[in-house]
C-alpha atoms as a PDB file:
ATOM      1  CA  UNK A   1      17.217 -53.146 -33.236  1.00  0.00           C
ATOM      2  CA  UNK A   2      15.477 -50.306 -31.456  1.00  0.00           C
ATOM      3  CA  UNK A   3      14.032 -47.366 -33.367  1.00  0.00           C
ATOM      4  CA  UNK A   4      17.347 -45.536 -33.304  1.00  0.00           C
ATOM      5  CA  UNK A   5      19.314 -48.358 -34.881  1.00  0.00           C
ATOM      6  CA  UNK A   6      20.794 -49.611 -31.628  1.00  0.00           C
ATOM      7  CA  UNK A   7      19.935 -53.102 -30.395  1.00  0.00           C
ATOM      8  CA  UNK A   8      17.090 -53.599 -27.950  1.00  0.00           C
ATOM      9  CA  UNK A   9      19.719 -54.182 -25.228  1.00  0.00           C
ATOM     10  CA  UNK A  10      20.064 -50.388 -24.945  1.00  0.00           C
ATOM     11  CA  UNK A  11      17.978 -47.263 -25.210  1.00  0.00           C
ATOM     12  CA  UNK A  12      19.082 -43.753 -26.065  1.00  0.00           C
ATOM     13  CA  UNK A  13      18.222 -41.444 -23.198  1.00  0.00           C
ATOM     14  CA  UNK A  14      15.274 -39.381 -24.364  1.00  0.00           C
ATOM     15  CA  UNK A  15      15.852 -36.017 -25.940  1.00  0.00           C
ATOM     16  CA  UNK A  16      19.619 -36.338 -25.938  1.00  0.00           C
ATOM     17  CA  UNK A  17      20.632 -37.342 -29.442  1.00  0.00           C
ATOM     18  CA  UNK A  18      20.379 -34.026 -31.272  1.00  0.00           C
ATOM     19  CA  UNK A  19      22.108 -32.063 -28.506  1.00  0.00           C
ATOM     20  CA  UNK A  20      25.807 -31.198 -28.305  1.00  0.00           C
ATOM     21  CA  UNK A  21      25.885 -31.935 -24.568  1.00  0.00           C
ATOM     22  CA  UNK A  22      29.121 -30.965 -22.868  1.00  0.00           C
ATOM     23  CA  UNK A  23      30.892 -29.929 -26.097  1.00  0.00           C
ATOM     24  CA  UNK A  24      31.120 -26.160 -26.334  1.00  0.00           C
ATOM     25  CA  UNK A  25      30.504 -24.198 -29.519  1.00  0.00           C
ATOM     26  CA  UNK A  26      33.788 -23.673 -31.346  1.00  0.00           C
ATOM     27  CA  UNK A  27      35.471 -26.559 -29.514  1.00  0.00           C
ATOM     28  CA  UNK A  28      37.607 -29.240 -31.117  1.00  0.00           C
ATOM     29  CA  UNK A  29      35.148 -31.982 -30.178  1.00  0.00           C
ATOM     30  CA  UNK A  30      32.318 -30.416 -32.170  1.00  0.00           C
ATOM     31  CA  UNK A  31      34.619 -29.843 -35.121  1.00  0.00           C
ATOM     32  CA  UNK A  32      35.791 -33.466 -35.069  1.00  0.00           C
ATOM     33  CA  UNK A  33      32.260 -34.873 -34.746  1.00  0.00           C
ATOM     34  CA  UNK A  34      31.131 -32.662 -37.634  1.00  0.00           C
ATOM     35  CA  UNK A  35      34.077 -33.773 -39.789  1.00  0.00           C
ATOM     36  CA  UNK A  36      33.458 -37.451 -38.990  1.00  0.00           C
ATOM     37  CA  UNK A  37      29.769 -36.969 -39.768  1.00  0.00           C
ATOM     38  CA  UNK A  38      30.636 -35.525 -43.166  1.00  0.00           C
ATOM     39  CA  UNK A  39      32.963 -38.457 -43.795  1.00  0.00           C
ATOM     40  CA  UNK A  40      30.333 -41.117 -43.069  1.00  0.00           C
ATOM     41  CA  UNK A  41      27.350 -39.147 -44.352  1.00  0.00           C
ATOM     42  CA  UNK A  42      25.362 -38.954 -41.114  1.00  0.00           C
ATOM     43  CA  UNK A  43      25.363 -36.475 -38.227  1.00  0.00           C
ATOM     44  CA  UNK A  44      27.268 -37.622 -35.143  1.00  0.00           C
ATOM     45  CA  UNK A  45      26.329 -36.278 -31.726  1.00  0.00           C
ATOM     46  CA  UNK A  46      27.160 -37.119 -28.122  1.00  0.00           C
ATOM     47  CA  UNK A  47      24.870 -39.804 -26.755  1.00  0.00           C
ATOM     48  CA  UNK A  48      24.077 -41.491 -23.469  1.00  0.00           C
ATOM     49  CA  UNK A  49      22.838 -45.057 -23.631  1.00  0.00           C
ATOM     50  CA  UNK A  50      21.047 -46.990 -20.935  1.00  0.00           C
ATOM     51  CA  UNK A  51      21.738 -50.723 -20.947  1.00  0.00           C
ATOM     52  CA  UNK A  52      18.878 -53.117 -20.128  1.00  0.00           C
ATOM     53  CA  UNK A  53      20.364 -53.804 -16.670  1.00  0.00           C
ATOM     54  CA  UNK A  54      20.136 -50.084 -15.834  1.00  0.00           C
ATOM     55  CA  UNK A  55      23.798 -49.199 -16.310  1.00  0.00           C
ATOM     56  CA  UNK A  56      24.648 -46.165 -18.444  1.00  0.00           C
ATOM     57  CA  UNK A  57      27.399 -45.404 -20.898  1.00  0.00           C
ATOM     58  CA  UNK A  58      28.204 -42.076 -22.522  1.00  0.00           C
ATOM     59  CA  UNK A  59      29.778 -41.910 -25.934  1.00  0.00           C
ATOM     60  CA  UNK A  60      31.475 -38.815 -27.268  1.00  0.00           C
ATOM     61  CA  UNK A  61      29.512 -39.473 -30.431  1.00  0.00           C
ATOM     62  CA  UNK A  62      27.272 -41.829 -32.361  1.00  0.00           C
ATOM     63  CA  UNK A  63      25.123 -41.694 -35.449  1.00  0.00           C
ATOM     64  CA  UNK A  64      21.373 -42.044 -34.897  1.00  0.00           C
ATOM     65  CA  UNK A  65      21.294 -45.155 -37.067  1.00  0.00           C
ATOM     66  CA  UNK A  66      24.065 -46.781 -34.982  1.00  0.00           C
ATOM     67  CA  UNK A  67      26.362 -47.067 -37.987  1.00  0.00           C
ATOM     68  CA  UNK A  68      29.139 -45.311 -36.051  1.00  0.00           C
ATOM     69  CA  UNK A  69      30.211 -45.025 -32.428  1.00  0.00           C
ATOM     70  CA  UNK A  70      32.915 -42.503 -31.545  1.00  0.00           C
ATOM     71  CA  UNK A  71      35.350 -41.636 -28.778  1.00  0.00           C
ATOM     72  CA  UNK A  72      37.576 -38.540 -28.818  1.00  0.00           C
ATOM     73  CA  UNK A  73      40.600 -38.739 -26.502  1.00  0.00           C
ATOM     74  CA  UNK A  74      41.827 -35.353 -27.778  1.00  0.00           C
ATOM     75  CA  UNK A  75      44.284 -34.542 -25.053  1.00  0.00           C
ATOM     76  CA  UNK A  76      46.968 -32.002 -25.819  1.00  0.00           C
ATOM     77  CA  UNK A  77      50.409 -31.527 -24.420  1.00  0.00           C
ATOM     78  CA  UNK A  78      53.214 -34.008 -24.146  1.00  0.00           C
ATOM     79  CA  UNK A  79      52.148 -37.628 -24.675  1.00  0.00           C
ATOM     80  CA  UNK A  80      52.147 -39.488 -21.354  1.00  0.00           C
ATOM     81  CA  UNK A  81      51.127 -42.874 -20.022  1.00  0.00           C
ATOM     82  CA  UNK A  82      47.863 -41.237 -18.889  1.00  0.00           C
ATOM     83  CA  UNK A  83      47.139 -40.368 -22.543  1.00  0.00           C
ATOM     84  CA  UNK A  84      47.892 -43.945 -23.587  1.00  0.00           C
ATOM     85  CA  UNK A  85      45.664 -45.328 -20.820  1.00  0.00           C
ATOM     86  CA  UNK A  86      42.770 -43.059 -21.875  1.00  0.00           C
ATOM     87  CA  UNK A  87      43.177 -44.195 -25.493  1.00  0.00           C
ATOM     88  CA  UNK A  88      43.122 -47.858 -24.438  1.00  0.00           C
ATOM     89  CA  UNK A  89      40.067 -47.295 -22.220  1.00  0.00           C
ATOM     90  CA  UNK A  90      38.248 -45.589 -25.085  1.00  0.00           C
ATOM     91  CA  UNK A  91      39.130 -48.421 -27.492  1.00  0.00           C
ATOM     92  CA  UNK A  92      37.760 -50.896 -24.942  1.00  0.00           C
ATOM     93  CA  UNK A  93      34.578 -48.817 -24.514  1.00  0.00           C
ATOM     94  CA  UNK A  94      34.016 -48.709 -28.280  1.00  0.00           C
ATOM     95  CA  UNK A  95      34.411 -52.456 -28.715  1.00  0.00           C
ATOM     96  CA  UNK A  96      32.136 -53.158 -25.738  1.00  0.00           C
ATOM     97  CA  UNK A  97      29.425 -50.776 -26.961  1.00  0.00           C
ATOM     98  CA  UNK A  98      29.627 -52.303 -30.408  1.00  0.00           C
ATOM     99  CA  UNK A  99      29.253 -55.835 -28.993  1.00  0.00           C
ATOM    100  CA  UNK A 100      26.272 -54.902 -26.795  1.00  0.00           C
ATOM    101  CA  UNK A 101      24.498 -52.119 -28.648  1.00  0.00           C
ATOM    102  CA  UNK A 102      25.601 -51.716 -32.258  1.00  0.00           C
ATOM    103  CA  UNK A 103      27.174 -54.862 -33.716  1.00  0.00           C
ATOM    104  CA  UNK A 104      27.519 -53.447 -37.235  1.00  0.00           C
ATOM    105  CA  UNK A 105      28.864 -50.045 -36.222  1.00  0.00           C
ATOM    106  CA  UNK A 106      32.129 -48.527 -37.297  1.00  0.00           C
ATOM    107  CA  UNK A 107      34.093 -47.906 -34.096  1.00  0.00           C
ATOM    108  CA  UNK A 108      35.887 -44.584 -34.616  1.00  0.00           C
ATOM    109  CA  UNK A 109      38.602 -43.215 -32.341  1.00  0.00           C
ATOM    110  CA  UNK A 110      40.042 -39.780 -32.995  1.00  0.00           C
ATOM    111  CA  UNK A 111      43.236 -38.732 -31.220  1.00  0.00           C
ATOM    112  CA  UNK A 112      45.194 -35.496 -31.181  1.00  0.00           C
ATOM    113  CA  UNK A 113      48.403 -35.091 -33.135  1.00  0.00           C
ATOM    114  CA  UNK A 114      50.401 -35.431 -29.905  1.00  0.00           C
ATOM    115  CA  UNK A 115      48.975 -38.940 -29.465  1.00  0.00           C
ATOM    116  CA  UNK A 116      49.454 -40.035 -33.072  1.00  0.00           C
ATOM    117  CA  UNK A 117      52.792 -41.715 -32.314  1.00  0.00           C
ATOM    118  CA  UNK A 118      50.961 -44.372 -30.299  1.00  0.00           C
ATOM    119  CA  UNK A 119      49.600 -45.655 -33.627  1.00  0.00           C
ATOM    120  CA  UNK A 120      52.803 -45.613 -35.670  1.00  0.00           C
ATOM    121  CA  UNK A 121      53.260 -48.632 -37.951  1.00  0.00           C
ATOM    122  CA  UNK A 122      54.507 -51.606 -35.965  1.00  0.00           C
ATOM    123  CA  UNK A 123      53.099 -50.413 -32.624  1.00  0.00           C
ATOM    124  CA  UNK A 124      50.962 -52.805 -30.656  1.00  0.00           C
ATOM    125  CA  UNK A 125      48.163 -50.200 -30.369  1.00  0.00           C
ATOM    126  CA  UNK A 126      47.983 -49.919 -34.163  1.00  0.00           C
ATOM    127  CA  UNK A 127      47.789 -53.716 -34.361  1.00  0.00           C
ATOM    128  CA  UNK A 128      45.169 -53.862 -31.608  1.00  0.00           C
ATOM    129  CA  UNK A 129      43.056 -51.236 -33.385  1.00  0.00           C
ATOM    130  CA  UNK A 130      43.175 -53.252 -36.597  1.00  0.00           C
ATOM    131  CA  UNK A 131      42.394 -56.552 -34.830  1.00  0.00           C
ATOM    132  CA  UNK A 132      39.501 -55.002 -32.850  1.00  0.00           C
ATOM    133  CA  UNK A 133      38.163 -53.206 -35.962  1.00  0.00           C
ATOM    134  CA  UNK A 134      38.633 -49.734 -34.467  1.00  0.00           C
ATOM    135  CA  UNK A 135      39.379 -47.061 -37.057  1.00  0.00           C
ATOM    136  CA  UNK A 136      41.766 -44.441 -35.696  1.00  0.00           C
ATOM    137  CA  UNK A 137      41.975 -40.898 -37.000  1.00  0.00           C
ATOM    138  CA  UNK A 138      44.327 -38.087 -36.042  1.00  0.00           C
ATOM    139  CA  UNK A 139      42.848 -34.592 -35.733  1.00  0.00           C
ATOM    140  CA  UNK A 140      45.402 -31.947 -36.609  1.00  0.00           C
ATOM    141  CA  UNK A 141      44.969 -28.440 -37.965  1.00  0.00           C
ATOM    142  CA  UNK A 142      41.245 -28.950 -38.520  1.00  0.00           C
ATOM    143  CA  UNK A 143      41.716 -32.079 -40.636  1.00  0.00           C
ATOM    144  CA  UNK A 144      41.264 -35.825 -40.142  1.00  0.00           C
ATOM    145  CA  UNK A 145      43.936 -38.314 -41.187  1.00  0.00           C
ATOM    146  CA  UNK A 146      43.494 -42.096 -41.066  1.00  0.00           C
ATOM    147  CA  UNK A 147      46.120 -43.517 -38.676  1.00  0.00           C
ATOM    148  CA  UNK A 148      45.257 -47.151 -37.968  1.00  0.00           C
ATOM    149  CA  UNK A 149      42.610 -49.821 -38.176  1.00  0.00           C
ATOM    150  CA  UNK A 150      40.246 -50.562 -41.030  1.00  0.00           C
ATOM    151  CA  UNK A 151      39.542 -47.910 -43.644  1.00  0.00           C
ATOM    152  CA  UNK A 152      35.952 -46.746 -43.915  1.00  0.00           C
ATOM    153  CA  UNK A 153      34.145 -48.056 -46.973  1.00  0.00           C
END
């Protein structure tokens, strides 16, 4: 593991962990990252990782100790196939980052209430989240609700 808790296959781009990056003050993304941080007991901030081959990956959030990696497909409006595709891409990103950079991390995905139906009991996305060990939360009215995947211990 590197000094930040990520494996030596990646490095956190210098000076970026404690910054909010593209997430504006008062925005939903900051509120969700703060709420998730309170839930797991560690601050979560946007992070950009550089893989040993030179490729980069941005995460909407991660804890400095690599115990959590986070994506926030918080799109509003009517649920569309584009929303579903973004959710699937973010689930794939989380599982890839975990396999390369943070093998013991909780992979956390937080969706908006308009996307919650994609994770209803019996849906294949709910099953995929559970099988891929991605914990899904719904952000609604400034509160997190567990929707699918493993519960945090």
